N, C-alpha and C. Protein backbone atom coordinates (compact mmCIF):
# COMPACT_ATOMS: atom_id res chain seq x y z
N MET A 1 11.51 -6.53 4.73
CA MET A 1 11.17 -7.94 4.58
C MET A 1 10.05 -8.32 5.55
N PHE A 2 9.15 -9.15 5.04
CA PHE A 2 8.06 -9.66 5.86
C PHE A 2 8.31 -11.15 6.09
N VAL A 3 8.41 -11.54 7.36
CA VAL A 3 8.62 -12.95 7.71
C VAL A 3 7.75 -13.30 8.92
N GLY A 4 7.53 -14.58 9.11
CA GLY A 4 6.76 -15.04 10.25
C GLY A 4 5.32 -15.36 9.88
N VAL A 5 4.66 -16.07 10.79
CA VAL A 5 3.28 -16.50 10.59
C VAL A 5 2.47 -16.09 11.82
N HIS A 6 1.29 -15.54 11.56
CA HIS A 6 0.41 -15.07 12.63
C HIS A 6 -1.00 -15.57 12.36
N GLU A 7 -1.67 -16.06 13.40
CA GLU A 7 -3.07 -16.44 13.27
C GLU A 7 -3.93 -15.25 13.68
N ARG A 8 -4.98 -15.02 12.91
CA ARG A 8 -5.87 -13.91 13.17
C ARG A 8 -7.31 -14.36 12.93
N GLN A 9 -8.24 -13.49 13.27
CA GLN A 9 -9.66 -13.75 13.07
C GLN A 9 -10.25 -12.60 12.27
N LEU A 10 -10.96 -12.93 11.20
CA LEU A 10 -11.72 -11.90 10.49
C LEU A 10 -12.92 -11.54 11.36
N ASP A 11 -13.25 -10.27 11.42
CA ASP A 11 -14.42 -9.90 12.20
C ASP A 11 -15.69 -10.03 11.34
N PRO A 12 -16.87 -9.82 11.90
CA PRO A 12 -18.12 -9.99 11.14
C PRO A 12 -18.26 -9.04 9.95
N LYS A 13 -17.46 -7.97 9.92
CA LYS A 13 -17.51 -7.03 8.80
C LYS A 13 -16.41 -7.26 7.77
N GLY A 14 -15.60 -8.30 7.97
CA GLY A 14 -14.53 -8.60 7.02
C GLY A 14 -13.24 -7.85 7.29
N ARG A 15 -13.10 -7.29 8.48
CA ARG A 15 -11.88 -6.57 8.82
C ARG A 15 -10.87 -7.52 9.45
N LEU A 16 -9.61 -7.26 9.15
CA LEU A 16 -8.53 -8.09 9.65
C LEU A 16 -7.47 -7.19 10.27
N ALA A 17 -7.11 -7.48 11.51
CA ALA A 17 -6.03 -6.74 12.18
C ALA A 17 -4.70 -7.31 11.72
N LEU A 18 -3.91 -6.47 11.07
CA LEU A 18 -2.59 -6.89 10.62
C LEU A 18 -1.65 -7.01 11.81
N PRO A 19 -0.72 -7.95 11.76
CA PRO A 19 0.26 -8.06 12.85
C PRO A 19 1.03 -6.75 13.02
N ALA A 20 1.28 -6.36 14.25
CA ALA A 20 1.97 -5.10 14.55
C ALA A 20 3.32 -5.02 13.84
N ALA A 21 4.02 -6.15 13.72
CA ALA A 21 5.33 -6.15 13.08
C ALA A 21 5.26 -5.77 11.60
N PHE A 22 4.12 -6.00 10.95
CA PHE A 22 3.99 -5.72 9.52
C PHE A 22 3.50 -4.29 9.23
N ARG A 23 2.83 -3.69 10.19
CA ARG A 23 2.14 -2.42 9.94
C ARG A 23 3.05 -1.26 9.50
N PRO A 24 4.20 -1.06 10.14
CA PRO A 24 4.99 0.13 9.76
C PRO A 24 5.35 0.18 8.28
N ARG A 25 5.59 -0.95 7.65
CA ARG A 25 5.94 -0.95 6.22
C ARG A 25 4.72 -0.80 5.33
N LEU A 26 3.53 -1.15 5.84
CA LEU A 26 2.32 -1.12 5.02
C LEU A 26 1.52 0.17 5.17
N GLU A 27 1.66 0.85 6.29
CA GLU A 27 0.86 2.05 6.55
C GLU A 27 1.33 3.23 5.71
N PRO A 28 0.46 4.15 5.36
CA PRO A 28 -0.96 4.25 5.69
C PRO A 28 -1.85 3.50 4.70
N ARG A 29 -1.29 3.13 3.53
CA ARG A 29 -2.11 2.43 2.53
C ARG A 29 -1.31 1.29 1.93
N CYS A 30 -2.04 0.30 1.49
CA CYS A 30 -1.41 -0.84 0.84
C CYS A 30 -2.39 -1.41 -0.18
N TYR A 31 -1.98 -2.43 -0.88
CA TYR A 31 -2.81 -3.03 -1.93
C TYR A 31 -3.09 -4.49 -1.58
N LEU A 32 -4.33 -4.89 -1.81
CA LEU A 32 -4.76 -6.28 -1.64
C LEU A 32 -5.08 -6.83 -3.02
N ALA A 33 -4.55 -8.03 -3.31
CA ALA A 33 -4.72 -8.58 -4.65
C ALA A 33 -4.82 -10.10 -4.59
N PHE A 34 -5.37 -10.67 -5.67
CA PHE A 34 -5.36 -12.12 -5.81
C PHE A 34 -3.90 -12.57 -5.83
N GLY A 35 -3.57 -13.52 -4.97
CA GLY A 35 -2.21 -14.06 -4.94
C GLY A 35 -2.17 -15.45 -5.54
N ARG A 36 -0.97 -15.93 -5.75
CA ARG A 36 -0.78 -17.29 -6.26
C ARG A 36 -1.26 -18.29 -5.21
N ASP A 37 -1.71 -19.43 -5.67
CA ASP A 37 -2.14 -20.52 -4.79
C ASP A 37 -3.35 -20.16 -3.92
N LYS A 38 -4.17 -19.21 -4.40
CA LYS A 38 -5.42 -18.84 -3.75
C LYS A 38 -5.25 -18.17 -2.39
N CYS A 39 -4.23 -17.33 -2.26
CA CYS A 39 -4.11 -16.49 -1.07
C CYS A 39 -4.39 -15.05 -1.50
N ILE A 40 -4.43 -14.16 -0.53
CA ILE A 40 -4.58 -12.73 -0.81
C ILE A 40 -3.22 -12.10 -0.55
N ASP A 41 -2.67 -11.42 -1.55
CA ASP A 41 -1.42 -10.70 -1.39
C ASP A 41 -1.68 -9.33 -0.80
N VAL A 42 -0.86 -8.94 0.16
CA VAL A 42 -0.88 -7.60 0.73
C VAL A 42 0.47 -6.99 0.39
N MET A 43 0.46 -5.89 -0.37
CA MET A 43 1.71 -5.30 -0.84
C MET A 43 1.80 -3.83 -0.48
N THR A 44 3.03 -3.39 -0.24
CA THR A 44 3.26 -1.96 -0.09
C THR A 44 2.96 -1.31 -1.44
N ALA A 45 2.77 -0.01 -1.42
CA ALA A 45 2.53 0.70 -2.68
C ALA A 45 3.70 0.51 -3.63
N GLU A 46 4.92 0.56 -3.11
CA GLU A 46 6.11 0.39 -3.95
C GLU A 46 6.17 -1.00 -4.55
N ALA A 47 5.92 -2.02 -3.74
CA ALA A 47 5.95 -3.40 -4.25
C ALA A 47 4.86 -3.62 -5.28
N PHE A 48 3.68 -3.03 -5.06
CA PHE A 48 2.61 -3.19 -6.03
C PHE A 48 2.98 -2.54 -7.36
N GLU A 49 3.54 -1.35 -7.31
CA GLU A 49 3.94 -0.67 -8.54
C GLU A 49 5.00 -1.47 -9.31
N GLU A 50 5.94 -2.08 -8.59
CA GLU A 50 6.95 -2.93 -9.24
C GLU A 50 6.30 -4.15 -9.88
N MET A 51 5.39 -4.80 -9.15
CA MET A 51 4.71 -5.98 -9.67
C MET A 51 3.89 -5.62 -10.90
N ALA A 52 3.18 -4.49 -10.85
CA ALA A 52 2.37 -4.07 -12.00
C ALA A 52 3.25 -3.81 -13.21
N ALA A 53 4.40 -3.19 -13.02
CA ALA A 53 5.32 -2.94 -14.13
C ALA A 53 5.83 -4.25 -14.72
N GLU A 54 6.10 -5.24 -13.86
CA GLU A 54 6.54 -6.55 -14.34
C GLU A 54 5.44 -7.24 -15.15
N VAL A 55 4.20 -7.15 -14.68
CA VAL A 55 3.08 -7.75 -15.41
C VAL A 55 2.93 -7.10 -16.78
N ILE A 56 2.99 -5.79 -16.81
CA ILE A 56 2.87 -5.08 -18.10
C ILE A 56 3.97 -5.51 -19.05
N ALA A 57 5.19 -5.62 -18.55
CA ALA A 57 6.31 -6.04 -19.40
C ALA A 57 6.11 -7.47 -19.91
N LYS A 58 5.59 -8.35 -19.05
CA LYS A 58 5.36 -9.74 -19.46
C LYS A 58 4.25 -9.83 -20.50
N VAL A 59 3.25 -8.98 -20.41
CA VAL A 59 2.19 -8.96 -21.42
C VAL A 59 2.78 -8.51 -22.75
N LYS A 60 3.57 -7.47 -22.71
CA LYS A 60 4.18 -6.95 -23.94
C LYS A 60 5.10 -7.96 -24.60
N SER A 61 5.79 -8.78 -23.80
CA SER A 61 6.70 -9.79 -24.36
C SER A 61 6.00 -11.10 -24.70
N GLY A 62 4.70 -11.20 -24.36
CA GLY A 62 3.95 -12.41 -24.66
C GLY A 62 4.09 -13.52 -23.64
N GLU A 63 4.73 -13.25 -22.50
CA GLU A 63 4.91 -14.28 -21.46
C GLU A 63 3.60 -14.62 -20.76
N ILE A 64 2.72 -13.61 -20.61
CA ILE A 64 1.41 -13.85 -20.02
C ILE A 64 0.35 -13.17 -20.88
N ALA A 65 -0.85 -13.64 -20.75
CA ALA A 65 -1.96 -13.11 -21.55
C ALA A 65 -2.47 -11.80 -20.94
N ARG A 66 -2.96 -10.94 -21.80
CA ARG A 66 -3.54 -9.68 -21.35
C ARG A 66 -4.73 -9.94 -20.41
N SER A 67 -5.42 -11.05 -20.60
CA SER A 67 -6.55 -11.37 -19.72
C SER A 67 -6.09 -11.56 -18.27
N GLU A 68 -4.88 -12.09 -18.06
CA GLU A 68 -4.37 -12.23 -16.69
C GLU A 68 -4.10 -10.85 -16.09
N GLN A 69 -3.53 -9.95 -16.90
CA GLN A 69 -3.31 -8.57 -16.44
C GLN A 69 -4.63 -7.92 -16.05
N ARG A 70 -5.63 -8.09 -16.90
CA ARG A 70 -6.94 -7.48 -16.62
C ARG A 70 -7.55 -8.05 -15.34
N ALA A 71 -7.48 -9.36 -15.18
CA ALA A 71 -8.05 -9.99 -13.99
C ALA A 71 -7.34 -9.51 -12.72
N LEU A 72 -6.03 -9.39 -12.79
CA LEU A 72 -5.28 -8.91 -11.63
C LEU A 72 -5.65 -7.47 -11.31
N ALA A 73 -5.69 -6.61 -12.32
CA ALA A 73 -6.03 -5.20 -12.10
C ALA A 73 -7.46 -5.05 -11.57
N ALA A 74 -8.39 -5.82 -12.12
CA ALA A 74 -9.79 -5.71 -11.72
C ALA A 74 -10.03 -6.19 -10.30
N ASN A 75 -9.17 -7.08 -9.82
CA ASN A 75 -9.38 -7.68 -8.51
C ASN A 75 -8.37 -7.22 -7.47
N THR A 76 -7.74 -6.10 -7.71
CA THR A 76 -6.83 -5.50 -6.75
C THR A 76 -7.49 -4.25 -6.19
N ILE A 77 -7.36 -4.06 -4.88
CA ILE A 77 -7.93 -2.85 -4.28
C ILE A 77 -6.88 -2.16 -3.42
N GLU A 78 -6.95 -0.86 -3.41
CA GLU A 78 -6.11 -0.05 -2.53
C GLU A 78 -6.89 0.15 -1.24
N VAL A 79 -6.25 -0.10 -0.11
CA VAL A 79 -6.91 0.05 1.19
C VAL A 79 -6.08 0.94 2.10
N THR A 80 -6.78 1.58 3.01
CA THR A 80 -6.13 2.36 4.06
C THR A 80 -6.22 1.56 5.35
N ILE A 81 -5.13 1.51 6.07
CA ILE A 81 -5.11 0.80 7.34
C ILE A 81 -5.72 1.73 8.40
N ASP A 82 -6.72 1.23 9.14
CA ASP A 82 -7.40 2.08 10.11
C ASP A 82 -6.59 2.25 11.40
N ALA A 83 -7.11 3.02 12.31
CA ALA A 83 -6.39 3.34 13.55
C ALA A 83 -6.10 2.11 14.41
N GLN A 84 -6.88 1.03 14.23
CA GLN A 84 -6.64 -0.21 14.97
C GLN A 84 -5.74 -1.18 14.19
N GLY A 85 -5.19 -0.73 13.07
CA GLY A 85 -4.29 -1.57 12.28
C GLY A 85 -5.01 -2.59 11.43
N ARG A 86 -6.27 -2.31 11.08
CA ARG A 86 -7.08 -3.27 10.32
C ARG A 86 -7.21 -2.85 8.86
N VAL A 87 -7.40 -3.87 8.02
CA VAL A 87 -7.77 -3.67 6.63
C VAL A 87 -9.07 -4.43 6.39
N ASN A 88 -9.84 -3.99 5.42
CA ASN A 88 -11.10 -4.65 5.09
C ASN A 88 -10.88 -5.55 3.87
N LEU A 89 -11.21 -6.82 4.03
CA LEU A 89 -11.12 -7.77 2.91
C LEU A 89 -12.48 -7.81 2.24
N ASP A 90 -12.57 -7.33 1.02
CA ASP A 90 -13.87 -7.32 0.36
C ASP A 90 -14.29 -8.73 -0.05
N GLU A 91 -15.55 -8.84 -0.43
CA GLU A 91 -16.15 -10.16 -0.70
C GLU A 91 -15.42 -10.94 -1.78
N LYS A 92 -15.03 -10.31 -2.88
CA LYS A 92 -14.38 -11.06 -3.95
C LYS A 92 -13.02 -11.60 -3.52
N LEU A 93 -12.30 -10.85 -2.69
CA LEU A 93 -11.02 -11.35 -2.18
C LEU A 93 -11.24 -12.52 -1.22
N ARG A 94 -12.22 -12.38 -0.33
CA ARG A 94 -12.52 -13.47 0.62
C ARG A 94 -12.94 -14.73 -0.13
N GLU A 95 -13.79 -14.56 -1.13
CA GLU A 95 -14.26 -15.71 -1.91
C GLU A 95 -13.09 -16.40 -2.62
N TYR A 96 -12.23 -15.61 -3.25
CA TYR A 96 -11.07 -16.16 -3.96
C TYR A 96 -10.18 -17.00 -3.03
N ALA A 97 -9.94 -16.48 -1.82
CA ALA A 97 -9.04 -17.16 -0.89
C ALA A 97 -9.74 -18.21 -0.03
N GLY A 98 -11.05 -18.30 -0.13
CA GLY A 98 -11.78 -19.30 0.64
C GLY A 98 -11.85 -18.98 2.13
N VAL A 99 -11.94 -17.69 2.46
CA VAL A 99 -12.07 -17.31 3.87
C VAL A 99 -13.43 -16.63 4.07
N ALA A 100 -14.03 -16.91 5.20
CA ALA A 100 -15.37 -16.41 5.48
C ALA A 100 -15.33 -15.35 6.58
N LEU A 101 -16.38 -14.56 6.64
CA LEU A 101 -16.52 -13.62 7.74
C LEU A 101 -16.45 -14.38 9.05
N ASN A 102 -15.84 -13.77 10.04
CA ASN A 102 -15.76 -14.35 11.38
C ASN A 102 -14.95 -15.65 11.43
N SER A 103 -14.05 -15.87 10.48
CA SER A 103 -13.27 -17.11 10.45
C SER A 103 -11.81 -16.84 10.78
N ARG A 104 -11.09 -17.91 11.10
CA ARG A 104 -9.65 -17.83 11.35
C ARG A 104 -8.93 -17.70 10.02
N VAL A 105 -7.86 -16.94 10.00
CA VAL A 105 -6.99 -16.83 8.84
C VAL A 105 -5.55 -16.87 9.31
N VAL A 106 -4.66 -17.15 8.38
CA VAL A 106 -3.22 -17.08 8.63
C VAL A 106 -2.70 -15.88 7.87
N VAL A 107 -1.92 -15.06 8.56
CA VAL A 107 -1.25 -13.91 7.95
C VAL A 107 0.24 -14.22 7.99
N ALA A 108 0.82 -14.40 6.81
CA ALA A 108 2.20 -14.87 6.73
C ALA A 108 3.07 -13.92 5.92
N GLY A 109 4.28 -13.71 6.39
CA GLY A 109 5.25 -12.96 5.63
C GLY A 109 5.78 -13.81 4.48
N SER A 110 6.02 -13.17 3.36
CA SER A 110 6.58 -13.87 2.20
C SER A 110 7.65 -12.98 1.56
N PHE A 111 8.54 -12.47 2.41
CA PHE A 111 9.66 -11.59 2.06
C PHE A 111 9.21 -10.24 1.51
N ASP A 112 8.72 -10.18 0.25
CA ASP A 112 8.38 -8.89 -0.34
C ASP A 112 6.92 -8.53 -0.19
N ARG A 113 6.13 -9.41 0.41
CA ARG A 113 4.71 -9.18 0.58
C ARG A 113 4.21 -9.97 1.78
N VAL A 114 2.98 -9.67 2.16
CA VAL A 114 2.28 -10.42 3.20
C VAL A 114 1.20 -11.22 2.49
N GLU A 115 0.92 -12.43 2.97
CA GLU A 115 -0.13 -13.25 2.38
C GLU A 115 -1.16 -13.60 3.44
N ILE A 116 -2.43 -13.59 3.02
CA ILE A 116 -3.54 -13.97 3.90
C ILE A 116 -4.11 -15.27 3.36
N TRP A 117 -4.21 -16.27 4.24
CA TRP A 117 -4.56 -17.63 3.82
C TRP A 117 -5.70 -18.22 4.63
N ASP A 118 -6.43 -19.12 4.00
CA ASP A 118 -7.25 -20.09 4.72
C ASP A 118 -6.25 -20.98 5.46
N PRO A 119 -6.44 -21.26 6.75
CA PRO A 119 -5.45 -22.02 7.51
C PRO A 119 -5.12 -23.40 6.93
N GLU A 120 -6.11 -24.14 6.45
CA GLU A 120 -5.83 -25.47 5.91
C GLU A 120 -5.03 -25.39 4.62
N ARG A 121 -5.38 -24.46 3.75
CA ARG A 121 -4.65 -24.29 2.50
C ARG A 121 -3.20 -23.86 2.80
N HIS A 122 -3.02 -22.98 3.78
CA HIS A 122 -1.68 -22.55 4.15
C HIS A 122 -0.86 -23.74 4.66
N ALA A 123 -1.45 -24.56 5.51
CA ALA A 123 -0.73 -25.72 6.05
C ALA A 123 -0.28 -26.66 4.94
N ARG A 124 -1.16 -26.92 3.96
CA ARG A 124 -0.79 -27.79 2.83
C ARG A 124 0.34 -27.18 2.02
N ASN A 125 0.25 -25.88 1.78
CA ASN A 125 1.26 -25.19 0.98
C ASN A 125 2.61 -25.20 1.69
N ILE A 126 2.62 -24.96 2.99
CA ILE A 126 3.87 -24.97 3.75
C ILE A 126 4.45 -26.37 3.80
N ALA A 127 3.61 -27.38 3.95
CA ALA A 127 4.10 -28.76 3.97
C ALA A 127 4.78 -29.12 2.65
N ALA A 128 4.16 -28.74 1.54
CA ALA A 128 4.74 -29.01 0.21
C ALA A 128 6.08 -28.27 0.07
N GLY A 129 6.13 -27.02 0.49
CA GLY A 129 7.36 -26.25 0.39
C GLY A 129 8.46 -26.81 1.27
N THR A 130 8.10 -27.28 2.46
CA THR A 130 9.08 -27.87 3.36
C THR A 130 9.67 -29.13 2.75
N GLU A 131 8.84 -29.93 2.10
CA GLU A 131 9.33 -31.13 1.41
C GLU A 131 10.32 -30.75 0.30
N GLN A 132 10.02 -29.70 -0.43
CA GLN A 132 10.91 -29.25 -1.51
C GLN A 132 12.25 -28.79 -0.92
N ILE A 133 12.21 -28.07 0.19
CA ILE A 133 13.46 -27.63 0.82
C ILE A 133 14.27 -28.82 1.30
N ALA A 134 13.60 -29.82 1.89
CA ALA A 134 14.28 -30.98 2.44
C ALA A 134 14.94 -31.83 1.36
N GLY A 135 14.37 -31.84 0.17
CA GLY A 135 14.96 -32.60 -0.92
C GLY A 135 14.64 -34.08 -0.84
N ASP A 136 15.39 -34.84 -1.58
CA ASP A 136 15.15 -36.29 -1.71
C ASP A 136 16.13 -37.14 -0.90
N ASP A 137 16.57 -36.66 0.22
CA ASP A 137 17.55 -37.38 1.03
C ASP A 137 16.92 -38.40 1.96
N ALA A 138 15.78 -38.93 1.60
CA ALA A 138 15.07 -39.87 2.49
C ALA A 138 15.79 -41.19 2.60
């Protein structure tokens, strides 16, 4: 399980140091993909294979369009974590998530995956989720 929130800085080359607590489950390779709500998903090889199988099944059953499967496959990359615990976020992933070179990012656990966020977008998303958890007991 991946839990917790960590602030990090992308370097000028687009590399991101993953939190030490997350590395053992992700090393030596993991997958980076377009995530929901404009974040970047970081998945173990096993989690990625499970997600891909679910997407294929949903396409076959008509739950999602084949174009969504194609977009996800085309925009997912397999990366190797370097000796300093870094992964490289390529340009299309950075653009999708709204993060720039040399900028602050949030690296957050989301149980079965890690998510990389623009800090402001992450704060809005967490605020909305906290409201949902709290309910209507105002």
